[in-house]
Amino acid sequence: MTVRGQLIRFALVGVVNTGTYYGCYLVLLTWLPYVAAHVAAFVLSMIGSFFLNSYFTYRTRPTWRKFLLFPLTNAANFTITTCGVYLLVDVLGFSRTYAPLIAAAAAIPITFVVSRTIMLRPDPASYAEPSPAAGPASAPPSESAPVPSRAARIDK
């Protein structure tokens, strides 16, 4: 799949993720202060985002390692949106209802780059050790093979 295709799929997942976040935020806003509602909604939507990006955007198998690293992909997003919500509401006087949408839009490009890096990175388990049957270079020396002299070992 091309980067362009991934970007389009990422944008579609972003729309779904933003809708999930915003719906959770509005529901939680009835019981929690706006910053707490933002944090809780962000965590819930991030879990959904991981699975959607894994299966739909990057078409890769979700693993525990990627799941545990995925919040790192959202660290910049979280920082930008949290600071943005605070700045928009408390400093600039925007409505607390619409501020998260504006802040989320500002974080999209950074989130794509970091997310793509994490999700397409091979897992260490995929780096298999060569098997002894792979050939003489990886096979241990046999007991009957001659041992090279010290001078021959240094020259190599």
C-alpha atoms as a PDB file:
ATOM      1  CA  MET A   1       0.000   0.000   0.000  1.00  0.00           C
ATOM      2  CA  THR A   2       1.261   3.462  -0.817  1.00  0.00           C
ATOM      3  CA  VAL A   3       1.902   6.199   1.709  1.00  0.00           C
ATOM      4  CA  ARG A   4      -0.908   8.160   0.066  1.00  0.00           C
ATOM      5  CA  GLY A   5      -3.305   5.243   0.626  1.00  0.00           C
ATOM      6  CA  GLN A   6      -2.204   4.988   4.234  1.00  0.00           C
ATOM      7  CA  LEU A   7      -2.712   8.719   4.687  1.00  0.00           C
ATOM      8  CA  ILE A   8      -6.253   8.493   3.306  1.00  0.00           C
ATOM      9  CA  ARG A   9      -7.049   5.538   5.559  1.00  0.00           C
ATOM     10  CA  PHE A  10      -5.422   7.334   8.486  1.00  0.00           C
ATOM     11  CA  ALA A  11      -7.669  10.331   7.826  1.00  0.00           C
ATOM     12  CA  LEU A  12     -10.758   8.103   7.764  1.00  0.00           C
ATOM     13  CA  VAL A  13      -9.721   6.462  11.029  1.00  0.00           C
ATOM     14  CA  GLY A  14      -9.086   9.954  12.373  1.00  0.00           C
ATOM     15  CA  VAL A  15     -12.665  10.985  11.568  1.00  0.00           C
ATOM     16  CA  VAL A  16     -14.022   7.914  13.369  1.00  0.00           C
ATOM     17  CA  ASN A  17     -11.580   8.412  16.237  1.00  0.00           C
ATOM     18  CA  THR A  18     -12.468  12.092  16.568  1.00  0.00           C
ATOM     19  CA  GLY A  19     -16.168  11.239  16.599  1.00  0.00           C
ATOM     20  CA  THR A  20     -15.550   8.613  19.280  1.00  0.00           C
ATOM     21  CA  TYR A  21     -13.440  11.034  21.297  1.00  0.00           C
ATOM     22  CA  TYR A  22     -15.923  13.877  20.969  1.00  0.00           C
ATOM     23  CA  GLY A  23     -18.926  11.708  21.860  1.00  0.00           C
ATOM     24  CA  CYS A  24     -17.132  10.370  24.948  1.00  0.00           C
ATOM     25  CA  TYR A  25     -15.990  13.895  25.826  1.00  0.00           C
ATOM     26  CA  LEU A  26     -19.536  15.303  25.696  1.00  0.00           C
ATOM     27  CA  VAL A  27     -20.941  12.440  27.774  1.00  0.00           C
ATOM     28  CA  LEU A  28     -18.143  12.677  30.357  1.00  0.00           C
ATOM     29  CA  LEU A  29     -18.449  16.479  30.432  1.00  0.00           C
ATOM     30  CA  THR A  30     -21.799  16.088  32.204  1.00  0.00           C
ATOM     31  CA  TRP A  31     -19.990  14.521  35.206  1.00  0.00           C
ATOM     32  CA  LEU A  32     -16.395  15.700  35.011  1.00  0.00           C
ATOM     33  CA  PRO A  33     -14.488  18.971  34.614  1.00  0.00           C
ATOM     34  CA  TYR A  34     -13.510  19.589  30.992  1.00  0.00           C
ATOM     35  CA  VAL A  35      -9.827  18.602  31.382  1.00  0.00           C
ATOM     36  CA  ALA A  36     -10.712  15.307  33.103  1.00  0.00           C
ATOM     37  CA  ALA A  37     -13.374  14.613  30.448  1.00  0.00           C
ATOM     38  CA  HIS A  38     -10.781  15.333  27.750  1.00  0.00           C
ATOM     39  CA  VAL A  39      -8.188  12.962  29.260  1.00  0.00           C
ATOM     40  CA  ALA A  40     -10.661  10.098  29.777  1.00  0.00           C
ATOM     41  CA  ALA A  41     -12.164  10.475  26.295  1.00  0.00           C
ATOM     42  CA  PHE A  42      -8.675  10.647  24.794  1.00  0.00           C
ATOM     43  CA  VAL A  43      -7.594   7.360  26.423  1.00  0.00           C
ATOM     44  CA  LEU A  44     -10.754   5.547  25.314  1.00  0.00           C
ATOM     45  CA  SER A  45     -10.484   6.784  21.745  1.00  0.00           C
ATOM     46  CA  MET A  46      -6.764   5.972  21.614  1.00  0.00           C
ATOM     47  CA  ILE A  47      -7.463   2.299  22.333  1.00  0.00           C
ATOM     48  CA  GLY A  48      -9.967   2.201  19.476  1.00  0.00           C
ATOM     49  CA  SER A  49      -7.547   4.091  17.248  1.00  0.00           C
ATOM     50  CA  PHE A  50      -4.820   1.503  17.820  1.00  0.00           C
ATOM     51  CA  PHE A  51      -6.968  -1.341  16.518  1.00  0.00           C
ATOM     52  CA  LEU A  52      -8.420   0.637  13.603  1.00  0.00           C
ATOM     53  CA  ASN A  53      -4.972   1.807  12.513  1.00  0.00           C
ATOM     54  CA  SER A  54      -3.508  -1.640  12.923  1.00  0.00           C
ATOM     55  CA  TYR A  55      -6.126  -3.497  10.879  1.00  0.00           C
ATOM     56  CA  PHE A  56      -7.413  -0.837   8.484  1.00  0.00           C
ATOM     57  CA  THR A  57      -4.719   1.798   7.950  1.00  0.00           C
ATOM     58  CA  TYR A  58      -1.477  -0.167   8.023  1.00  0.00           C
ATOM     59  CA  ARG A  59      -2.856  -3.713   7.648  1.00  0.00           C
ATOM     60  CA  THR A  60      -0.509  -5.071  10.234  1.00  0.00           C
ATOM     61  CA  ARG A  61      -1.037  -7.549  13.034  1.00  0.00           C
ATOM     62  CA  PRO A  62      -1.568  -5.857  16.394  1.00  0.00           C
ATOM     63  CA  THR A  63       0.936  -6.999  18.997  1.00  0.00           C
ATOM     64  CA  TRP A  64       1.379  -6.227  22.672  1.00  0.00           C
ATOM     65  CA  ARG A  65       4.609  -4.425  21.836  1.00  0.00           C
ATOM     66  CA  LYS A  66       2.891  -2.127  19.337  1.00  0.00           C
ATOM     67  CA  PHE A  67      -0.036  -1.642  21.719  1.00  0.00           C
ATOM     68  CA  LEU A  68       2.352  -0.591  24.486  1.00  0.00           C
ATOM     69  CA  LEU A  69       4.283   1.702  22.120  1.00  0.00           C
ATOM     70  CA  PHE A  70       1.169   3.199  20.537  1.00  0.00           C
ATOM     71  CA  PRO A  71       0.608   5.713  23.350  1.00  0.00           C
ATOM     72  CA  LEU A  72       4.028   7.111  22.481  1.00  0.00           C
ATOM     73  CA  THR A  73       2.700   7.842  19.011  1.00  0.00           C
ATOM     74  CA  ASN A  74       0.000   9.898  20.647  1.00  0.00           C
ATOM     75  CA  ALA A  75       2.249  11.729  23.110  1.00  0.00           C
ATOM     76  CA  ALA A  76       2.674  14.648  20.734  1.00  0.00           C
ATOM     77  CA  ASN A  77      -1.023  14.540  19.882  1.00  0.00           C
ATOM     78  CA  PHE A  78      -1.952  14.488  23.555  1.00  0.00           C
ATOM     79  CA  THR A  79       0.367  17.381  24.368  1.00  0.00           C
ATOM     80  CA  ILE A  80      -0.832  19.483  21.443  1.00  0.00           C
ATOM     81  CA  THR A  81      -4.518  18.830  22.078  1.00  0.00           C
ATOM     82  CA  THR A  82      -4.328  19.254  25.861  1.00  0.00           C
ATOM     83  CA  CYS A  83      -2.364  22.497  25.630  1.00  0.00           C
ATOM     84  CA  GLY A  84      -4.596  23.567  22.760  1.00  0.00           C
ATOM     85  CA  VAL A  85      -7.801  22.940  24.720  1.00  0.00           C
ATOM     86  CA  TYR A  86      -6.437  24.878  27.693  1.00  0.00           C
ATOM     87  CA  LEU A  87      -5.169  27.726  25.505  1.00  0.00           C
ATOM     88  CA  LEU A  88      -8.386  27.960  23.522  1.00  0.00           C
ATOM     89  CA  VAL A  89     -10.717  27.802  26.557  1.00  0.00           C
ATOM     90  CA  ASP A  90      -8.843  29.591  29.351  1.00  0.00           C
ATOM     91  CA  VAL A  91      -6.676  32.038  27.420  1.00  0.00           C
ATOM     92  CA  LEU A  92      -8.625  32.808  24.251  1.00  0.00           C
ATOM     93  CA  GLY A  93     -12.146  32.319  25.626  1.00  0.00           C
ATOM     94  CA  PHE A  94     -13.354  29.737  23.085  1.00  0.00           C
ATOM     95  CA  SER A  95     -16.241  27.467  23.969  1.00  0.00           C
ATOM     96  CA  ARG A  96     -15.168  24.345  25.851  1.00  0.00           C
ATOM     97  CA  THR A  97     -17.537  22.445  23.580  1.00  0.00           C
ATOM     98  CA  TYR A  98     -15.659  23.223  20.333  1.00  0.00           C
ATOM     99  CA  ALA A  99     -12.092  23.767  21.535  1.00  0.00           C
ATOM    100  CA  PRO A 100     -11.102  20.052  21.380  1.00  0.00           C
ATOM    101  CA  LEU A 101     -12.020  19.855  17.688  1.00  0.00           C
ATOM    102  CA  ILE A 102      -9.778  22.782  16.788  1.00  0.00           C
ATOM    103  CA  ALA A 103      -6.900  21.449  18.894  1.00  0.00           C
ATOM    104  CA  ALA A 104      -7.241  17.957  17.384  1.00  0.00           C
ATOM    105  CA  ALA A 105      -6.973  19.312  13.839  1.00  0.00           C
ATOM    106  CA  ALA A 106      -3.632  20.923  14.679  1.00  0.00           C
ATOM    107  CA  ALA A 107      -2.171  17.583  15.825  1.00  0.00           C
ATOM    108  CA  ILE A 108      -3.023  15.421  12.770  1.00  0.00           C
ATOM    109  CA  PRO A 109       0.215  15.685  10.733  1.00  0.00           C
ATOM    110  CA  ILE A 110       2.495  14.885  13.661  1.00  0.00           C
ATOM    111  CA  THR A 111       0.339  11.973  14.754  1.00  0.00           C
ATOM    112  CA  PHE A 112       0.434  10.388  11.266  1.00  0.00           C
ATOM    113  CA  VAL A 113       4.216  10.460  10.990  1.00  0.00           C
ATOM    114  CA  VAL A 114       4.825   9.033  14.453  1.00  0.00           C
ATOM    115  CA  SER A 115       2.022   6.464  14.168  1.00  0.00           C
ATOM    116  CA  ARG A 116       3.305   5.179  10.829  1.00  0.00           C
ATOM    117  CA  THR A 117       6.802   4.802  12.247  1.00  0.00           C
ATOM    118  CA  ILE A 118       5.607   2.720  15.202  1.00  0.00           C
ATOM    119  CA  MET A 119       3.002   0.606  13.428  1.00  0.00           C
ATOM    120  CA  LEU A 120       5.220  -0.392  10.498  1.00  0.00           C
ATOM    121  CA  ARG A 121       8.313  -1.066  12.575  1.00  0.00           C
ATOM    122  CA  PRO A 122       9.148  -4.791  12.603  1.00  0.00           C
ATOM    123  CA  ASP A 123       8.851  -6.544  15.938  1.00  0.00           C
ATOM    124  CA  PRO A 124      12.088  -7.929  17.413  1.00  0.00           C
ATOM    125  CA  ALA A 125      10.554 -11.420  17.287  1.00  0.00           C
ATOM    126  CA  SER A 126      10.557 -11.200  13.492  1.00  0.00           C
ATOM    127  CA  TYR A 127      14.338 -11.075  13.529  1.00  0.00           C
ATOM    128  CA  ALA A 128      14.810 -14.848  13.711  1.00  0.00           C
ATOM    129  CA  GLU A 129      18.166 -16.280  14.612  1.00  0.00           C
ATOM    130  CA  PRO A 130      19.701 -18.217  11.717  1.00  0.00           C
ATOM    131  CA  SER A 131      19.230 -21.931  12.097  1.00  0.00           C
ATOM    132  CA  PRO A 132      22.221 -24.286  12.146  1.00  0.00           C
ATOM    133  CA  ALA A 133      20.919 -25.745   8.868  1.00  0.00           C
ATOM    134  CA  ALA A 134      21.349 -22.335   7.210  1.00  0.00           C
ATOM    135  CA  GLY A 135      24.847 -23.171   6.094  1.00  0.00           C
ATOM    136  CA  PRO A 136      28.433 -23.620   7.192  1.00  0.00           C
ATOM    137  CA  ALA A 137      28.907 -19.958   8.172  1.00  0.00           C
ATOM    138  CA  SER A 138      26.416 -20.250  10.987  1.00  0.00           C
ATOM    139  CA  ALA A 139      27.126 -23.851  11.920  1.00  0.00           C
ATOM    140  CA  PRO A 140      29.368 -24.481  14.915  1.00  0.00           C
ATOM    141  CA  PRO A 141      32.760 -25.958  14.052  1.00  0.00           C
ATOM    142  CA  SER A 142      32.801 -29.717  14.106  1.00  0.00           C
ATOM    143  CA  GLU A 143      35.169 -31.533  16.439  1.00  0.00           C
ATOM    144  CA  SER A 144      36.930 -33.154  13.487  1.00  0.00           C
ATOM    145  CA  ALA A 145      37.543 -29.873  11.638  1.00  0.00           C
ATOM    146  CA  PRO A 146      41.084 -28.548  11.862  1.00  0.00           C
ATOM    147  CA  VAL A 147      41.585 -25.579  14.154  1.00  0.00           C
ATOM    148  CA  PRO A 148      43.268 -22.691  12.305  1.00  0.00           C
ATOM    149  CA  SER A 149      46.563 -21.477  13.681  1.00  0.00           C
ATOM    150  CA  ARG A 150      46.719 -18.232  15.657  1.00  0.00           C
ATOM    151  CA  ALA A 151      48.301 -16.434  12.670  1.00  0.00           C
ATOM    152  CA  ALA A 152      45.525 -17.564  10.326  1.00  0.00           C
ATOM    153  CA  ARG A 153      42.831 -16.336  12.751  1.00  0.00           C
ATOM    154  CA  ILE A 154      44.441 -12.878  13.051  1.00  0.00           C
ATOM    155  CA  ASP A 155      44.779 -12.433   9.268  1.00  0.00           C
ATOM    156  CA  LYS A 156      41.058 -12.904   8.767  1.00  0.00           C
END
